[in-house]
Amino acid sequence: MELRQLKYFVAVAEESHFTRAAERLHIAQSGLSASIRALERELGADLFRRNTRQVRLTPEGRALLVEARRALAASDAARDAVAAVRGLLRGSLSIGSLQCLHAVDLPAVLAGFVAAHPGLDIRLRHGGSGELVEQVREGRLDLALVSRPAREPDDVVVTPLATEPLVLACAPEHPLAALGRVGLEALRGERFVDFPPDWGTRTRADEALAAAGVDRHVALEVTDVHSLLDLVGNGLGVALVPRSFSAKTRRVRFPELADPAPMWETVAVSGAPGGAAAAALLDEIHRATR
């Protein structure tokens, strides 16, 4: 089994199509198909179910995909380690991040990092914490800046970056807006605006309210911070958000929560072992957060 075969296999799995995978890899489709058939013969199993429109992974293919991504990531890390000894960072670095990252000015950090390492291809994607952590586990991301997972996987490294309390977000005319501090029990019966279930702030809010015995109803679910604050500001619900969100709008009130206020922690999640480029970027992030 060769790394080249695993690279081809991952491309077909991600594209669900041999022609698109061949175009992505810049090789002939016939050569790609032959490589996949040789891999299937070596493993003694069909990796894809094929039809005229697309291909789908078999159970054996799904099992191989996880390990293939890890093997390719380990190969990249080995290459990066040698380059780092020579004072070079080359190849690619895939980063995941939350939309609103108060702990660090990521665009500024990336600008300096790219200028210092022009031979490095930087890729960035946004998403929820659960999704991004899983992509680190699968080897699809080298580093993710997320909220601390409720359950930390054994095969990643979690590095703390910053901690801040959750606060209540509500419309100015809401009865709770004028209070200095709000107990979580006061939120019983409120309509909530929140993010999808695998987003870190949603998970942390769910945990805090459940611990306080508050059974809440999330009526409006959004995937960006500004939409959430707009909905809250127009009186369509309340939300529990990190305190740093208060810098984003003047149309929402942000009363503190009664002690002990639930905390929200930003962390960096990287593979184990991680590559030299991810380690170098994480060093820059630490310097920026001091």
C-alpha atoms as a PDB file:
ATOM      1  CA  MET A   1       0.000   0.000   0.000  1.00  0.00           C
ATOM      2  CA  GLU A   2       1.462   3.340  -1.061  1.00  0.00           C
ATOM      3  CA  LEU A   3       0.766   6.855   0.193  1.00  0.00           C
ATOM      4  CA  ARG A   4      -0.117   7.787  -3.375  1.00  0.00           C
ATOM      5  CA  GLN A   5      -2.918   5.197  -3.351  1.00  0.00           C
ATOM      6  CA  LEU A   6      -4.243   6.554  -0.052  1.00  0.00           C
ATOM      7  CA  LYS A   7      -4.180  10.093  -1.438  1.00  0.00           C
ATOM      8  CA  TYR A   8      -6.172   8.955  -4.480  1.00  0.00           C
ATOM      9  CA  PHE A   9      -8.609   7.029  -2.294  1.00  0.00           C
ATOM     10  CA  VAL A  10      -9.260  10.059  -0.037  1.00  0.00           C
ATOM     11  CA  ALA A  11      -9.853  12.291  -3.068  1.00  0.00           C
ATOM     12  CA  VAL A  12     -12.473   9.906  -4.507  1.00  0.00           C
ATOM     13  CA  ALA A  13     -14.124   9.568  -1.078  1.00  0.00           C
ATOM     14  CA  GLU A  14     -14.357  13.345  -0.621  1.00  0.00           C
ATOM     15  CA  GLU A  15     -15.552  14.080  -4.158  1.00  0.00           C
ATOM     16  CA  SER A  16     -17.889  11.039  -4.390  1.00  0.00           C
ATOM     17  CA  HIS A  17     -16.990  10.989  -8.073  1.00  0.00           C
ATOM     18  CA  PHE A  18     -14.036   9.574 -10.029  1.00  0.00           C
ATOM     19  CA  THR A  19     -13.997  12.301 -12.685  1.00  0.00           C
ATOM     20  CA  ARG A  20     -13.979  15.173 -10.168  1.00  0.00           C
ATOM     21  CA  ALA A  21     -11.319  13.396  -8.093  1.00  0.00           C
ATOM     22  CA  ALA A  22      -9.130  12.913 -11.182  1.00  0.00           C
ATOM     23  CA  GLU A  23      -9.487  16.609 -12.052  1.00  0.00           C
ATOM     24  CA  ARG A  24      -8.587  17.589  -8.500  1.00  0.00           C
ATOM     25  CA  LEU A  25      -5.497  15.359  -8.597  1.00  0.00           C
ATOM     26  CA  HIS A  26      -4.557  16.382 -12.161  1.00  0.00           C
ATOM     27  CA  ILE A  27      -4.300  12.770 -13.340  1.00  0.00           C
ATOM     28  CA  ALA A  28      -6.104  10.660 -15.926  1.00  0.00           C
ATOM     29  CA  GLN A  29      -9.317   9.040 -14.704  1.00  0.00           C
ATOM     30  CA  SER A  30      -8.167   5.672 -16.046  1.00  0.00           C
ATOM     31  CA  GLY A  31      -5.032   5.842 -13.898  1.00  0.00           C
ATOM     32  CA  LEU A  32      -7.065   6.800 -10.831  1.00  0.00           C
ATOM     33  CA  SER A  33      -9.513   3.937 -11.349  1.00  0.00           C
ATOM     34  CA  ALA A  34      -6.663   1.458 -11.814  1.00  0.00           C
ATOM     35  CA  SER A  35      -5.007   2.625  -8.587  1.00  0.00           C
ATOM     36  CA  ILE A  36      -8.248   2.232  -6.598  1.00  0.00           C
ATOM     37  CA  ARG A  37      -8.855  -1.262  -8.049  1.00  0.00           C
ATOM     38  CA  ALA A  38      -5.296  -2.285  -7.101  1.00  0.00           C
ATOM     39  CA  LEU A  39      -5.887  -1.000  -3.547  1.00  0.00           C
ATOM     40  CA  GLU A  40      -9.141  -2.959  -3.298  1.00  0.00           C
ATOM     41  CA  ARG A  41      -7.396  -6.128  -4.479  1.00  0.00           C
ATOM     42  CA  GLU A  42      -4.632  -5.650  -1.921  1.00  0.00           C
ATOM     43  CA  LEU A  43      -7.135  -5.155   0.907  1.00  0.00           C
ATOM     44  CA  GLY A  44      -9.496  -7.865  -0.311  1.00  0.00           C
ATOM     45  CA  ALA A  45     -12.538  -5.599  -0.037  1.00  0.00           C
ATOM     46  CA  ASP A  46     -14.638  -3.234  -2.131  1.00  0.00           C
ATOM     47  CA  LEU A  47     -14.098   0.328  -0.904  1.00  0.00           C
ATOM     48  CA  PHE A  48     -16.798   2.013  -2.998  1.00  0.00           C
ATOM     49  CA  ARG A  49     -20.276   1.280  -4.303  1.00  0.00           C
ATOM     50  CA  ARG A  50     -20.299   2.612  -7.848  1.00  0.00           C
ATOM     51  CA  ASN A  51     -23.152   3.756 -10.087  1.00  0.00           C
ATOM     52  CA  THR A  52     -23.375   6.025 -13.133  1.00  0.00           C
ATOM     53  CA  ARG A  53     -23.762   9.237 -11.111  1.00  0.00           C
ATOM     54  CA  GLN A  54     -21.576   8.897  -8.033  1.00  0.00           C
ATOM     55  CA  VAL A  55     -19.669   6.543  -5.788  1.00  0.00           C
ATOM     56  CA  ARG A  56     -20.340   5.876  -2.122  1.00  0.00           C
ATOM     57  CA  LEU A  57     -18.091   4.411   0.521  1.00  0.00           C
ATOM     58  CA  THR A  58     -18.735   0.881   1.726  1.00  0.00           C
ATOM     59  CA  PRO A  59     -18.366   0.134   5.466  1.00  0.00           C
ATOM     60  CA  GLU A  60     -14.829  -1.024   4.692  1.00  0.00           C
ATOM     61  CA  GLY A  61     -14.190   2.223   2.819  1.00  0.00           C
ATOM     62  CA  ARG A  62     -15.452   4.337   5.727  1.00  0.00           C
ATOM     63  CA  ALA A  63     -13.094   2.503   8.084  1.00  0.00           C
ATOM     64  CA  LEU A  64     -10.152   3.029   5.747  1.00  0.00           C
ATOM     65  CA  LEU A  65     -10.931   6.739   5.244  1.00  0.00           C
ATOM     66  CA  VAL A  66     -10.239   7.601   8.883  1.00  0.00           C
ATOM     67  CA  GLU A  67      -6.909   5.783   8.885  1.00  0.00           C
ATOM     68  CA  ALA A  68      -5.922   7.033   5.426  1.00  0.00           C
ATOM     69  CA  ARG A  69      -6.354  10.641   6.512  1.00  0.00           C
ATOM     70  CA  ARG A  70      -4.276   9.982   9.606  1.00  0.00           C
ATOM     71  CA  ALA A  71      -1.541   8.288   7.575  1.00  0.00           C
ATOM     72  CA  LEU A  72      -1.378  11.197   5.126  1.00  0.00           C
ATOM     73  CA  ALA A  73      -1.309  13.711   7.986  1.00  0.00           C
ATOM     74  CA  ALA A  74       1.526  11.770   9.654  1.00  0.00           C
ATOM     75  CA  SER A  75       3.451  11.764   6.376  1.00  0.00           C
ATOM     76  CA  ASP A  76       3.024  15.533   6.084  1.00  0.00           C
ATOM     77  CA  ALA A  77       4.129  15.977   9.703  1.00  0.00           C
ATOM     78  CA  ALA A  78       7.281  13.946   9.066  1.00  0.00           C
ATOM     79  CA  ARG A  79       8.108  16.053   6.005  1.00  0.00           C
ATOM     80  CA  ASP A  80       7.442  19.243   7.963  1.00  0.00           C
ATOM     81  CA  ALA A  81       9.715  18.112  10.812  1.00  0.00           C
ATOM     82  CA  VAL A  82      12.645  17.677   8.443  1.00  0.00           C
ATOM     83  CA  ALA A  83      11.931  21.048   6.807  1.00  0.00           C
ATOM     84  CA  ALA A  84      11.746  22.716  10.220  1.00  0.00           C
ATOM     85  CA  VAL A  85      15.253  21.493  11.097  1.00  0.00           C
ATOM     86  CA  ARG A  86      16.448  23.246   7.940  1.00  0.00           C
ATOM     87  CA  GLY A  87      14.620  26.418   8.971  1.00  0.00           C
ATOM     88  CA  LEU A  88      11.898  25.993   6.343  1.00  0.00           C
ATOM     89  CA  LEU A  89       8.135  25.643   6.576  1.00  0.00           C
ATOM     90  CA  ARG A  90       6.608  24.368   3.352  1.00  0.00           C
ATOM     91  CA  GLY A  91       3.562  22.436   2.226  1.00  0.00           C
ATOM     92  CA  SER A  92       0.075  23.246   3.483  1.00  0.00           C
ATOM     93  CA  LEU A  93      -1.500  24.165   6.813  1.00  0.00           C
ATOM     94  CA  SER A  94      -5.257  23.706   7.273  1.00  0.00           C
ATOM     95  CA  ILE A  95      -6.819  25.729  10.071  1.00  0.00           C
ATOM     96  CA  GLY A  96     -10.331  25.726  11.496  1.00  0.00           C
ATOM     97  CA  SER A  97     -11.804  28.543  13.556  1.00  0.00           C
ATOM     98  CA  LEU A  98     -14.974  29.773  15.171  1.00  0.00           C
ATOM     99  CA  GLN A  99     -16.575  32.738  13.408  1.00  0.00           C
ATOM    100  CA  CYS A 100     -16.019  35.182  16.262  1.00  0.00           C
ATOM    101  CA  LEU A 101     -12.719  34.533  17.959  1.00  0.00           C
ATOM    102  CA  HIS A 102     -12.197  37.143  20.672  1.00  0.00           C
ATOM    103  CA  ALA A 103      -9.172  35.435  22.243  1.00  0.00           C
ATOM    104  CA  VAL A 104      -6.848  36.271  19.335  1.00  0.00           C
ATOM    105  CA  ASP A 105      -6.854  38.538  16.273  1.00  0.00           C
ATOM    106  CA  LEU A 106      -6.502  35.612  13.876  1.00  0.00           C
ATOM    107  CA  PRO A 107      -6.352  37.636  10.613  1.00  0.00           C
ATOM    108  CA  ALA A 108      -3.460  39.706  11.996  1.00  0.00           C
ATOM    109  CA  VAL A 109      -1.623  36.608  13.235  1.00  0.00           C
ATOM    110  CA  LEU A 110      -2.099  34.840   9.891  1.00  0.00           C
ATOM    111  CA  ALA A 111      -0.899  37.890   7.959  1.00  0.00           C
ATOM    112  CA  GLY A 112       2.383  37.929   9.878  1.00  0.00           C
ATOM    113  CA  PHE A 113       2.729  34.158   9.687  1.00  0.00           C
ATOM    114  CA  VAL A 114       2.211  34.047   5.912  1.00  0.00           C
ATOM    115  CA  ALA A 115       4.713  36.863   5.430  1.00  0.00           C
ATOM    116  CA  ALA A 116       7.285  34.947   7.503  1.00  0.00           C
ATOM    117  CA  HIS A 117       6.647  31.638   5.694  1.00  0.00           C
ATOM    118  CA  PRO A 118       5.833  32.404   2.033  1.00  0.00           C
ATOM    119  CA  GLY A 119       6.364  28.777   0.993  1.00  0.00           C
ATOM    120  CA  LEU A 120       3.448  27.624   3.147  1.00  0.00           C
ATOM    121  CA  ASP A 121      -0.053  27.256   1.682  1.00  0.00           C
ATOM    122  CA  ILE A 122      -2.548  28.396   4.359  1.00  0.00           C
ATOM    123  CA  ARG A 123      -6.155  27.179   4.269  1.00  0.00           C
ATOM    124  CA  LEU A 124      -8.879  28.381   6.646  1.00  0.00           C
ATOM    125  CA  ARG A 125     -12.448  27.254   7.248  1.00  0.00           C
ATOM    126  CA  HIS A 126     -15.116  28.257   9.756  1.00  0.00           C
ATOM    127  CA  GLY A 127     -17.444  25.889  11.588  1.00  0.00           C
ATOM    128  CA  GLY A 128     -18.831  24.746  14.906  1.00  0.00           C
ATOM    129  CA  SER A 129     -16.528  23.431  17.620  1.00  0.00           C
ATOM    130  CA  GLY A 130     -17.702  19.813  17.410  1.00  0.00           C
ATOM    131  CA  GLU A 131     -17.335  19.709  13.638  1.00  0.00           C
ATOM    132  CA  LEU A 132     -13.858  21.267  13.680  1.00  0.00           C
ATOM    133  CA  VAL A 133     -12.530  18.999  16.438  1.00  0.00           C
ATOM    134  CA  GLU A 134     -13.707  15.966  14.475  1.00  0.00           C
ATOM    135  CA  GLN A 135     -11.908  17.251  11.375  1.00  0.00           C
ATOM    136  CA  VAL A 136      -8.686  17.513  13.404  1.00  0.00           C
ATOM    137  CA  ARG A 137      -9.186  13.906  14.542  1.00  0.00           C
ATOM    138  CA  GLU A 138      -9.685  12.805  10.939  1.00  0.00           C
ATOM    139  CA  GLY A 139      -6.555  14.622   9.759  1.00  0.00           C
ATOM    140  CA  ARG A 140      -8.511  17.089   7.602  1.00  0.00           C
ATOM    141  CA  LEU A 141      -7.393  20.016   9.777  1.00  0.00           C
ATOM    142  CA  ASP A 142      -4.002  20.576  11.378  1.00  0.00           C
ATOM    143  CA  LEU A 143      -5.211  23.061  13.994  1.00  0.00           C
ATOM    144  CA  ALA A 144      -8.608  24.294  15.201  1.00  0.00           C
ATOM    145  CA  LEU A 145      -9.429  27.271  17.442  1.00  0.00           C
ATOM    146  CA  VAL A 146     -12.629  26.310  19.231  1.00  0.00           C
ATOM    147  CA  SER A 147     -14.380  26.206  22.581  1.00  0.00           C
ATOM    148  CA  ARG A 148     -13.189  23.460  24.908  1.00  0.00           C
ATOM    149  CA  PRO A 149     -14.904  20.159  24.019  1.00  0.00           C
ATOM    150  CA  ALA A 150     -17.144  18.688  26.699  1.00  0.00           C
ATOM    151  CA  ARG A 151     -15.389  15.370  26.062  1.00  0.00           C
ATOM    152  CA  GLU A 152     -11.813  15.655  24.875  1.00  0.00           C
ATOM    153  CA  PRO A 153     -10.806  12.922  22.386  1.00  0.00           C
ATOM    154  CA  ASP A 154      -7.700  10.954  23.339  1.00  0.00           C
ATOM    155  CA  ASP A 155      -6.039  11.441  19.946  1.00  0.00           C
ATOM    156  CA  VAL A 156      -5.828  15.267  19.938  1.00  0.00           C
ATOM    157  CA  VAL A 157      -3.894  17.835  21.961  1.00  0.00           C
ATOM    158  CA  VAL A 158      -5.928  20.604  23.653  1.00  0.00           C
ATOM    159  CA  THR A 159      -4.109  23.844  24.524  1.00  0.00           C
ATOM    160  CA  PRO A 160      -5.900  26.571  26.580  1.00  0.00           C
ATOM    161  CA  LEU A 161      -5.958  30.094  25.117  1.00  0.00           C
ATOM    162  CA  ALA A 162      -8.466  32.259  27.037  1.00  0.00           C
ATOM    163  CA  THR A 163     -11.442  32.091  29.403  1.00  0.00           C
ATOM    164  CA  GLU A 164     -14.398  34.440  29.857  1.00  0.00           C
ATOM    165  CA  PRO A 165     -17.836  34.235  31.531  1.00  0.00           C
ATOM    166  CA  LEU A 166     -21.127  33.728  29.767  1.00  0.00           C
ATOM    167  CA  VAL A 167     -23.606  36.600  30.092  1.00  0.00           C
ATOM    168  CA  LEU A 168     -27.273  37.049  29.238  1.00  0.00           C
ATOM    169  CA  ALA A 169     -28.096  38.748  25.935  1.00  0.00           C
ATOM    170  CA  CYS A 170     -31.560  40.340  25.830  1.00  0.00           C
ATOM    171  CA  ALA A 171     -33.417  43.241  24.213  1.00  0.00           C
ATOM    172  CA  PRO A 172     -33.221  46.641  25.984  1.00  0.00           C
ATOM    173  CA  GLU A 173     -36.918  46.512  26.870  1.00  0.00           C
ATOM    174  CA  HIS A 174     -36.721  42.987  28.344  1.00  0.00           C
ATOM    175  CA  PRO A 175     -37.581  42.912  32.087  1.00  0.00           C
ATOM    176  CA  LEU A 176     -34.197  41.349  32.900  1.00  0.00           C
ATOM    177  CA  ALA A 177     -32.202  44.003  31.011  1.00  0.00           C
ATOM    178  CA  ALA A 178     -32.090  46.426  33.947  1.00  0.00           C
ATOM    179  CA  LEU A 179     -30.873  43.896  36.497  1.00  0.00           C
ATOM    180  CA  GLY A 180     -27.261  43.974  37.620  1.00  0.00           C
ATOM    181  CA  ARG A 181     -27.064  40.193  37.800  1.00  0.00           C
ATOM    182  CA  VAL A 182     -29.440  37.487  36.602  1.00  0.00           C
ATOM    183  CA  GLY A 183     -29.815  34.021  38.093  1.00  0.00           C
ATOM    184  CA  LEU A 184     -30.175  31.195  35.610  1.00  0.00           C
ATOM    185  CA  GLU A 185     -33.445  30.144  37.254  1.00  0.00           C
ATOM    186  CA  ALA A 186     -34.929  33.481  36.111  1.00  0.00           C
ATOM    187  CA  LEU A 187     -34.642  32.238  32.517  1.00  0.00           C
ATOM    188  CA  ARG A 188     -37.217  29.498  33.008  1.00  0.00           C
ATOM    189  CA  GLY A 189     -39.943  29.893  30.370  1.00  0.00           C
ATOM    190  CA  GLU A 190     -37.910  32.252  28.163  1.00  0.00           C
ATOM    191  CA  ARG A 191     -37.672  31.764  24.404  1.00  0.00           C
ATOM    192  CA  PHE A 192     -34.036  31.264  23.356  1.00  0.00           C
ATOM    193  CA  VAL A 193     -31.986  32.111  20.306  1.00  0.00           C
ATOM    194  CA  ASP A 194     -28.923  29.913  19.896  1.00  0.00           C
ATOM    195  CA  PHE A 195     -26.467  28.164  17.606  1.00  0.00           C
ATOM    196  CA  PRO A 196     -26.653  24.542  16.346  1.00  0.00           C
ATOM    197  CA  PRO A 197     -26.184  21.787  18.955  1.00  0.00           C
ATOM    198  CA  ASP A 198     -22.534  21.000  18.120  1.00  0.00           C
ATOM    199  CA  TRP A 199     -21.396  24.625  18.564  1.00  0.00           C
ATOM    200  CA  GLY A 200     -19.408  25.281  21.728  1.00  0.00           C
ATOM    201  CA  THR A 201     -21.499  28.137  23.119  1.00  0.00           C
ATOM    202  CA  ARG A 202     -24.686  26.099  22.644  1.00  0.00           C
ATOM    203  CA  THR A 203     -23.153  23.126  24.467  1.00  0.00           C
ATOM    204  CA  ARG A 204     -21.947  25.292  27.343  1.00  0.00           C
ATOM    205  CA  ALA A 205     -25.332  27.040  27.671  1.00  0.00           C
ATOM    206  CA  ASP A 206     -27.149  23.684  27.617  1.00  0.00           C
ATOM    207  CA  GLU A 207     -24.896  22.372  30.389  1.00  0.00           C
ATOM    208  CA  ALA A 208     -25.282  25.458  32.586  1.00  0.00           C
ATOM    209  CA  LEU A 209     -29.067  25.623  32.279  1.00  0.00           C
ATOM    210  CA  ALA A 210     -29.493  21.892  32.828  1.00  0.00           C
ATOM    211  CA  ALA A 211     -27.368  22.126  35.985  1.00  0.00           C
ATOM    212  CA  ALA A 212     -29.658  24.937  37.196  1.00  0.00           C
ATOM    213  CA  GLY A 213     -32.754  22.828  36.498  1.00  0.00           C
ATOM    214  CA  VAL A 214     -33.938  25.061  33.661  1.00  0.00           C
ATOM    215  CA  ASP A 215     -35.597  23.208  30.788  1.00  0.00           C
ATOM    216  CA  ARG A 216     -35.350  25.656  27.905  1.00  0.00           C
ATOM    217  CA  HIS A 217     -36.811  25.954  24.412  1.00  0.00           C
ATOM    218  CA  VAL A 218     -34.523  27.036  21.563  1.00  0.00           C
ATOM    219  CA  ALA A 219     -37.000  28.572  19.132  1.00  0.00           C
ATOM    220  CA  LEU A 220     -34.567  30.250  16.741  1.00  0.00           C
ATOM    221  CA  GLU A 221     -31.360  28.532  15.624  1.00  0.00           C
ATOM    222  CA  VAL A 222     -28.775  30.455  13.593  1.00  0.00           C
ATOM    223  CA  THR A 223     -25.235  29.915  12.337  1.00  0.00           C
ATOM    224  CA  ASP A 224     -23.675  33.351  12.750  1.00  0.00           C
ATOM    225  CA  VAL A 225     -23.199  35.709  15.678  1.00  0.00           C
ATOM    226  CA  HIS A 226     -24.638  38.852  14.089  1.00  0.00           C
ATOM    227  CA  SER A 227     -27.920  37.118  13.185  1.00  0.00           C
ATOM    228  CA  LEU A 228     -28.226  35.897  16.774  1.00  0.00           C
ATOM    229  CA  LEU A 229     -27.681  39.392  18.161  1.00  0.00           C
ATOM    230  CA  ASP A 230     -30.114  40.928  15.658  1.00  0.00           C
ATOM    231  CA  LEU A 231     -32.835  38.478  16.684  1.00  0.00           C
ATOM    232  CA  VAL A 232     -32.184  39.106  20.371  1.00  0.00           C
ATOM    233  CA  GLY A 233     -32.105  42.877  19.851  1.00  0.00           C
ATOM    234  CA  ASN A 234     -35.536  42.747  18.215  1.00  0.00           C
ATOM    235  CA  GLY A 235     -37.017  40.962  21.202  1.00  0.00           C
ATOM    236  CA  LEU A 236     -37.419  37.546  19.585  1.00  0.00           C
ATOM    237  CA  GLY A 237     -35.620  35.716  22.371  1.00  0.00           C
ATOM    238  CA  VAL A 238     -32.725  35.730  24.806  1.00  0.00           C
ATOM    239  CA  ALA A 239     -29.337  34.002  24.627  1.00  0.00           C
ATOM    240  CA  LEU A 240     -26.371  33.021  26.752  1.00  0.00           C
ATOM    241  CA  VAL A 241     -23.207  34.228  25.040  1.00  0.00           C
ATOM    242  CA  PRO A 242     -19.551  34.944  25.863  1.00  0.00           C
ATOM    243  CA  ARG A 243     -19.066  38.393  27.395  1.00  0.00           C
ATOM    244  CA  SER A 244     -16.934  39.489  24.420  1.00  0.00           C
ATOM    245  CA  PHE A 245     -20.061  39.499  22.212  1.00  0.00           C
ATOM    246  CA  SER A 246     -21.079  42.705  23.996  1.00  0.00           C
ATOM    247  CA  ALA A 247     -18.532  44.634  21.900  1.00  0.00           C
ATOM    248  CA  LYS A 248     -20.419  43.801  18.699  1.00  0.00           C
ATOM    249  CA  THR A 249     -23.653  45.763  19.169  1.00  0.00           C
ATOM    250  CA  ARG A 250     -25.328  48.542  21.152  1.00  0.00           C
ATOM    251  CA  ARG A 251     -28.832  47.238  20.438  1.00  0.00           C
ATOM    252  CA  VAL A 252     -28.603  44.418  22.989  1.00  0.00           C
ATOM    253  CA  ARG A 253     -28.192  44.467  26.770  1.00  0.00           C
ATOM    254  CA  PHE A 254     -25.740  42.051  28.411  1.00  0.00           C
ATOM    255  CA  PRO A 255     -26.457  41.682  32.161  1.00  0.00           C
ATOM    256  CA  GLU A 256     -23.994  39.500  34.081  1.00  0.00           C
ATOM    257  CA  LEU A 257     -25.058  36.102  35.364  1.00  0.00           C
ATOM    258  CA  ALA A 258     -25.176  35.455  39.105  1.00  0.00           C
ATOM    259  CA  ASP A 259     -22.138  33.751  40.641  1.00  0.00           C
ATOM    260  CA  PRO A 260     -20.881  31.233  39.943  1.00  0.00           C
ATOM    261  CA  ALA A 261     -21.254  32.314  36.304  1.00  0.00           C
ATOM    262  CA  PRO A 262     -20.656  29.570  33.729  1.00  0.00           C
ATOM    263  CA  MET A 263     -17.365  30.038  31.890  1.00  0.00           C
ATOM    264  CA  TRP A 264     -16.514  29.710  28.201  1.00  0.00           C
ATOM    265  CA  GLU A 265     -12.976  28.652  27.294  1.00  0.00           C
ATOM    266  CA  THR A 266     -11.241  29.077  23.948  1.00  0.00           C
ATOM    267  CA  VAL A 267      -8.680  26.383  23.152  1.00  0.00           C
ATOM    268  CA  ALA A 268      -6.464  25.234  20.305  1.00  0.00           C
ATOM    269  CA  VAL A 269      -6.912  21.625  19.196  1.00  0.00           C
ATOM    270  CA  SER A 270      -4.190  19.935  17.174  1.00  0.00           C
ATOM    271  CA  GLY A 271      -3.394  16.420  16.066  1.00  0.00           C
ATOM    272  CA  ALA A 272      -1.160  14.073  18.023  1.00  0.00           C
ATOM    273  CA  PRO A 273       1.507  14.271  16.770  1.00  0.00           C
ATOM    274  CA  GLY A 274       1.068  17.673  15.143  1.00  0.00           C
ATOM    275  CA  GLY A 275       3.100  19.088  12.271  1.00  0.00           C
ATOM    276  CA  ALA A 276       5.865  21.670  12.509  1.00  0.00           C
ATOM    277  CA  ALA A 277       3.770  24.331  10.765  1.00  0.00           C
ATOM    278  CA  ALA A 278       0.861  23.901  13.209  1.00  0.00           C
ATOM    279  CA  ALA A 279       3.279  24.111  16.151  1.00  0.00           C
ATOM    280  CA  ALA A 280       4.852  27.283  14.746  1.00  0.00           C
ATOM    281  CA  LEU A 281       1.456  28.936  14.240  1.00  0.00           C
ATOM    282  CA  LEU A 282       0.365  27.963  17.733  1.00  0.00           C
ATOM    283  CA  ASP A 283       3.508  29.640  19.109  1.00  0.00           C
ATOM    284  CA  GLU A 284       2.517  32.825  17.261  1.00  0.00           C
ATOM    285  CA  ILE A 285      -1.028  32.609  18.657  1.00  0.00           C
ATOM    286  CA  HIS A 286       0.337  32.255  22.197  1.00  0.00           C
ATOM    287  CA  ARG A 287       2.500  35.324  21.715  1.00  0.00           C
ATOM    288  CA  ALA A 288      -0.545  37.277  20.465  1.00  0.00           C
ATOM    289  CA  THR A 289      -2.694  36.297  23.462  1.00  0.00           C
ATOM    290  CA  ARG A 290      -0.163  37.248  26.147  1.00  0.00           C
END
